[in-house]
Amino acid sequence: MSTDNHSQATQSQPADQHGDSGTGGIGCDLREAANELLEQTKGLRAELAKQAREHPLAAFGVAFAAGVLLARALRR
């Protein structure tokens, strides 16, 4: 009787939020960090698009210079 009661009590307890292995919390933290990084990236992309619309010649110049530098670096 005590064995059956113990197994039922164990099964009726709520599961740990982070899982039994202790690594589930790391997964949650990584997902939260990834979501935060994604939001920051979206904001940066919107700001860059705004700057490129406001200053198209400067945006072209920066892109051209970056292309030249990248081509030189890849040739070596």
C-alpha atoms as a PDB file:
ATOM      1  CA  MET A   1       0.000   0.000   0.000  1.00  0.00           C
ATOM      2  CA  SER A   2       2.745   2.491   0.817  1.00  0.00           C
ATOM      3  CA  THR A   3       4.515   1.803  -2.506  1.00  0.00           C
ATOM      4  CA  ASP A   4       1.339   2.582  -4.473  1.00  0.00           C
ATOM      5  CA  ASN A   5       0.707   5.732  -2.449  1.00  0.00           C
ATOM      6  CA  HIS A   6       4.288   6.888  -2.956  1.00  0.00           C
ATOM      7  CA  SER A   7       4.168   6.423  -6.741  1.00  0.00           C
ATOM      8  CA  GLN A   8       0.808   8.197  -6.947  1.00  0.00           C
ATOM      9  CA  ALA A   9       2.095  11.078  -4.834  1.00  0.00           C
ATOM     10  CA  THR A  10       5.186  11.377  -7.029  1.00  0.00           C
ATOM     11  CA  GLN A  11       3.096  11.439 -10.200  1.00  0.00           C
ATOM     12  CA  SER A  12       0.623  13.992  -8.848  1.00  0.00           C
ATOM     13  CA  GLN A  13       3.348  16.510  -7.955  1.00  0.00           C
ATOM     14  CA  PRO A  14       3.744  19.269 -10.547  1.00  0.00           C
ATOM     15  CA  ALA A  15       6.756  18.936 -12.803  1.00  0.00           C
ATOM     16  CA  ASP A  16       9.674  21.279 -12.243  1.00  0.00           C
ATOM     17  CA  GLN A  17       9.565  24.235 -14.606  1.00  0.00           C
ATOM     18  CA  HIS A  18      13.155  23.620 -15.691  1.00  0.00           C
ATOM     19  CA  GLY A  19      12.949  19.839 -15.993  1.00  0.00           C
ATOM     20  CA  ASP A  20      14.592  17.111 -13.973  1.00  0.00           C
ATOM     21  CA  SER A  21      18.058  17.361 -15.499  1.00  0.00           C
ATOM     22  CA  GLY A  22      18.680  20.936 -14.404  1.00  0.00           C
ATOM     23  CA  THR A  23      19.610  22.027 -17.942  1.00  0.00           C
ATOM     24  CA  GLY A  24      16.104  23.117 -18.937  1.00  0.00           C
ATOM     25  CA  GLY A  25      16.703  26.479 -17.275  1.00  0.00           C
ATOM     26  CA  ILE A  26      19.654  27.073 -19.565  1.00  0.00           C
ATOM     27  CA  GLY A  27      17.443  26.377 -22.573  1.00  0.00           C
ATOM     28  CA  CYS A  28      14.876  28.875 -21.329  1.00  0.00           C
ATOM     29  CA  ASP A  29      17.577  31.475 -20.754  1.00  0.00           C
ATOM     30  CA  LEU A  30      18.991  30.896 -24.240  1.00  0.00           C
ATOM     31  CA  ARG A  31      15.559  31.253 -25.828  1.00  0.00           C
ATOM     32  CA  GLU A  32      14.957  34.507 -23.940  1.00  0.00           C
ATOM     33  CA  ALA A  33      18.371  35.840 -24.979  1.00  0.00           C
ATOM     34  CA  ALA A  34      17.718  34.844 -28.595  1.00  0.00           C
ATOM     35  CA  ASN A  35      14.343  36.596 -28.574  1.00  0.00           C
ATOM     36  CA  GLU A  36      15.897  39.728 -27.076  1.00  0.00           C
ATOM     37  CA  LEU A  37      18.666  39.678 -29.683  1.00  0.00           C
ATOM     38  CA  LEU A  38      16.080  39.261 -32.434  1.00  0.00           C
ATOM     39  CA  GLU A  39      14.143  42.292 -31.189  1.00  0.00           C
ATOM     40  CA  GLN A  40      17.320  44.385 -31.017  1.00  0.00           C
ATOM     41  CA  THR A  41      18.256  43.271 -34.541  1.00  0.00           C
ATOM     42  CA  LYS A  42      14.844  44.307 -35.855  1.00  0.00           C
ATOM     43  CA  GLY A  43      15.264  47.755 -34.304  1.00  0.00           C
ATOM     44  CA  LEU A  44      18.749  48.145 -35.740  1.00  0.00           C
ATOM     45  CA  ARG A  45      17.566  47.052 -39.180  1.00  0.00           C
ATOM     46  CA  ALA A  46      14.752  49.602 -39.107  1.00  0.00           C
ATOM     47  CA  GLU A  47      17.179  52.357 -38.076  1.00  0.00           C
ATOM     48  CA  LEU A  48      19.620  51.414 -40.845  1.00  0.00           C
ATOM     49  CA  ALA A  49      16.838  51.425 -43.422  1.00  0.00           C
ATOM     50  CA  LYS A  50      15.742  54.877 -42.214  1.00  0.00           C
ATOM     51  CA  GLN A  51      19.304  56.232 -42.455  1.00  0.00           C
ATOM     52  CA  ALA A  52      19.749  54.731 -45.937  1.00  0.00           C
ATOM     53  CA  ARG A  53      16.537  56.440 -47.122  1.00  0.00           C
ATOM     54  CA  GLU A  54      17.603  59.775 -45.627  1.00  0.00           C
ATOM     55  CA  HIS A  55      21.207  59.600 -46.937  1.00  0.00           C
ATOM     56  CA  PRO A  56      21.278  57.364 -50.029  1.00  0.00           C
ATOM     57  CA  LEU A  57      24.675  58.558 -51.358  1.00  0.00           C
ATOM     58  CA  ALA A  58      26.368  57.981 -48.023  1.00  0.00           C
ATOM     59  CA  ALA A  59      24.791  54.518 -47.792  1.00  0.00           C
ATOM     60  CA  PHE A  60      26.047  53.705 -51.291  1.00  0.00           C
ATOM     61  CA  GLY A  61      29.547  54.945 -50.422  1.00  0.00           C
ATOM     62  CA  VAL A  62      29.724  52.867 -47.254  1.00  0.00           C
ATOM     63  CA  ALA A  63      28.466  49.760 -49.061  1.00  0.00           C
ATOM     64  CA  PHE A  64      30.957  50.281 -51.905  1.00  0.00           C
ATOM     65  CA  ALA A  65      33.875  50.756 -49.503  1.00  0.00           C
ATOM     66  CA  ALA A  66      32.880  47.661 -47.525  1.00  0.00           C
ATOM     67  CA  GLY A  67      32.726  45.676 -50.771  1.00  0.00           C
ATOM     68  CA  VAL A  68      36.194  46.827 -51.829  1.00  0.00           C
ATOM     69  CA  LEU A  69      37.669  45.948 -48.427  1.00  0.00           C
ATOM     70  CA  LEU A  70      35.983  42.556 -48.418  1.00  0.00           C
ATOM     71  CA  ALA A  71      37.203  41.783 -51.953  1.00  0.00           C
ATOM     72  CA  ARG A  72      40.775  42.678 -50.998  1.00  0.00           C
ATOM     73  CA  ALA A  73      40.612  40.556 -47.862  1.00  0.00           C
ATOM     74  CA  LEU A  74      39.288  37.549 -49.760  1.00  0.00           C
ATOM     75  CA  ARG A  75      41.927  37.764 -52.502  1.00  0.00           C
ATOM     76  CA  ARG A  76      44.792  37.140 -50.081  1.00  0.00           C
END
